[in-house]
Protein backbone atom coordinates (compact mmCIF):
# COMPACT_ATOMS: atom_id res chain seq x y z
CA UNK A 1 16.49 -4.09 -0.36
CA UNK A 2 16.37 -0.81 1.68
CA UNK A 3 14.42 -2.31 4.52
CA UNK A 4 11.08 -1.36 5.85
CA UNK A 5 9.15 2.06 5.77
CA UNK A 6 6.32 2.74 7.79
CA UNK A 7 3.45 5.34 6.82
CA UNK A 8 1.13 6.22 9.79
CA UNK A 9 -2.41 6.39 9.02
CA UNK A 10 -5.17 8.41 10.94
CA UNK A 11 -6.74 6.37 13.51
CA UNK A 12 -10.37 6.00 13.02
CA UNK A 13 -10.58 7.46 9.56
CA UNK A 14 -11.72 5.18 7.03
CA UNK A 15 -9.97 4.68 3.68
CA UNK A 16 -10.47 2.18 0.95
CA UNK A 17 -8.49 -0.76 -0.69
CA UNK A 18 -9.86 -2.01 -3.86
CA UNK A 19 -8.50 -4.77 -6.34
CA UNK A 20 -9.03 -5.51 -9.96
CA UNK A 21 -7.95 -8.60 -11.83
CA UNK A 22 -6.63 -8.52 -15.30
CA UNK A 23 -5.13 -11.21 -17.78
CA UNK A 24 -5.46 -14.94 -17.81
CA UNK A 25 -3.89 -17.44 -15.43
CA UNK A 26 -1.06 -17.89 -14.89
CA UNK A 27 0.15 -14.52 -15.77
CA UNK A 28 -2.84 -12.78 -14.32
CA UNK A 29 -2.19 -9.41 -12.48
CA UNK A 30 -3.98 -7.90 -9.64
CA UNK A 31 -4.08 -3.89 -9.52
CA UNK A 32 -4.38 -2.74 -5.86
CA UNK A 33 -5.82 0.99 -5.47
CA UNK A 34 -5.50 2.27 -2.03
CA UNK A 35 -6.89 5.71 -0.58
CA UNK A 36 -5.87 6.24 2.84
CA UNK A 37 -5.87 8.97 5.53
CA UNK A 38 -2.30 9.57 6.12
CA UNK A 39 -1.08 11.48 9.37
CA UNK A 40 0.27 14.92 7.95
CA UNK A 41 3.17 13.60 5.90
CA UNK A 42 6.24 15.83 5.57
CA UNK A 43 7.66 16.70 2.19
CA UNK A 44 10.68 14.32 2.65
CA UNK A 45 8.18 11.50 3.47
CA UNK A 46 6.24 12.09 0.38
CA UNK A 47 9.26 12.36 -1.54
CA UNK A 48 10.58 9.10 -0.34
CA UNK A 49 7.14 7.30 -1.05
CA UNK A 50 7.11 8.77 -4.60
CA UNK A 51 10.59 7.53 -5.10
CA UNK A 52 9.32 4.09 -4.65
CA UNK A 53 7.39 4.49 -7.98
CA UNK A 54 8.40 1.81 -10.30
CA UNK A 55 10.38 -0.33 -7.73
CA UNK A 56 9.55 -3.89 -6.62
CA UNK A 57 8.28 -3.98 -3.02
CA UNK A 58 6.20 -5.66 -0.63
CA UNK A 59 3.37 -3.59 1.00
CA UNK A 60 1.65 -4.89 4.14
CA UNK A 61 -1.30 -2.88 5.81
CA UNK A 62 -2.16 -3.57 9.42
CA UNK A 63 -5.91 -3.65 10.44
CA UNK A 64 -7.01 -0.30 11.84
CA UNK A 65 -8.21 -2.37 15.05
CA UNK A 66 -4.88 -2.95 16.64
CA UNK A 67 -6.04 -5.94 18.56
CA UNK A 68 -6.92 -7.76 15.30
CA UNK A 69 -4.37 -9.96 13.69
CA UNK A 70 -5.62 -9.06 10.14
CA UNK A 71 -3.31 -7.80 7.41
CA UNK A 72 -3.38 -7.11 3.84
CA UNK A 73 -0.21 -7.96 1.66
CA UNK A 74 0.41 -6.80 -1.68
CA UNK A 75 3.20 -8.81 -3.54
CA UNK A 76 5.13 -11.59 -1.88
CA UNK A 77 8.87 -12.57 -1.88
CA UNK A 78 8.85 -14.52 -5.14
CA UNK A 79 6.77 -12.13 -6.97
CA UNK A 80 6.94 -8.62 -5.32
CA UNK A 81 4.47 -5.97 -6.40
CA UNK A 82 5.33 -2.68 -8.20
CA UNK A 83 4.19 0.69 -7.14
CA UNK A 84 2.47 2.36 -10.18
CA UNK A 85 0.97 5.61 -8.36
CA UNK A 86 1.81 7.71 -5.42
CA UNK A 87 0.05 10.86 -4.71
CA UNK A 88 -0.45 12.80 -1.59
CA UNK A 89 -2.96 15.83 -0.98
CA UNK A 90 -1.52 17.81 2.08
CA UNK A 91 -5.01 19.57 2.29
CA UNK A 92 -7.09 16.35 2.85
CA UNK A 93 -4.21 14.16 4.15
CA UNK A 94 -5.21 11.69 1.41
CA UNK A 95 -2.66 9.38 0.17
CA UNK A 96 -3.66 7.43 -3.00
CA UNK A 97 -1.32 4.42 -3.89
CA UNK A 98 -1.66 1.98 -6.65
CA UNK A 99 0.36 -1.29 -7.07
CA UNK A 100 0.56 -4.28 -9.61
CA UNK A 101 1.14 -7.67 -8.18
CA UNK A 102 0.75 -11.27 -9.17
CA UNK A 103 0.33 -12.62 -5.57
CA UNK A 104 -2.96 -13.37 -3.69
CA UNK A 105 -4.11 -10.77 -1.07
CA UNK A 106 -5.70 -10.87 2.34
CA UNK A 107 -8.28 -8.21 3.24
CA UNK A 108 -8.15 -5.83 6.22
CA UNK A 109 -8.73 -2.50 7.40
CA UNK A 110 -5.70 -0.12 7.42
CA UNK A 111 -3.91 1.60 10.35
CA UNK A 112 -0.36 1.43 9.15
CA UNK A 113 1.24 0.72 5.68
CA UNK A 114 4.69 -1.03 5.87
CA UNK A 115 6.62 -1.26 2.62
CA UNK A 116 9.87 -2.93 1.84
CA UNK A 117 11.99 -2.29 -1.15
């Protein structure tokens, strides 16, 4: 892999993280859709994030309350997720990401997204 890549989010701004299930067990897939308020990403950061589309990865989103230990993990070691969408609107600082995964997820409020490919 290429290591970890952090995407800083705007503290105190709410985003959303939704999931949809499709298919039947044991090949059931989870589609994870996130809309985040990212701190003014540079062109290079946006290009790096968009280059992750189609690659297998793990995404870990940390709770916006830094004192909270909650995290949301998309993908796992044995079945990594695949990023299917990455779009950033520089006028609103909204980062929209979509992933497909076959792992269980834990819910939390986002402050940082860490991705490892």
